[in-house]
Amino acid sequence: MESLSVSEFRAMCFSVLNEVNRQKKRIIITKRGKPIAEVIPHESEEKEIPLADTDVFMGDIISPVSEDDWEAVK
């Protein structure tokens, strides 16, 4: 994991943040050689659902189904 001193981070703050976002990597910020902070990429709270919006309802899903409509009963 890459690390930067506070003074380096201060001088290149915007470019460091853009790099963290673009490359999805973490960067440790140090002060006098000791870690004091970590910059991490933001993860979206909305997780992608693989089968979202793939269902199709045909007809009324609330009313009961009569025996005539069941193929298994025939």
Foldseek 3Di string as FASTA:
>chain_A
DAEEEPVVCVVCVVVVLVCCQVVQDKYFYDYPPHTDDMDGHDDDPDDDDPCPPVDDDDDDPPDDDDPVPDPVND
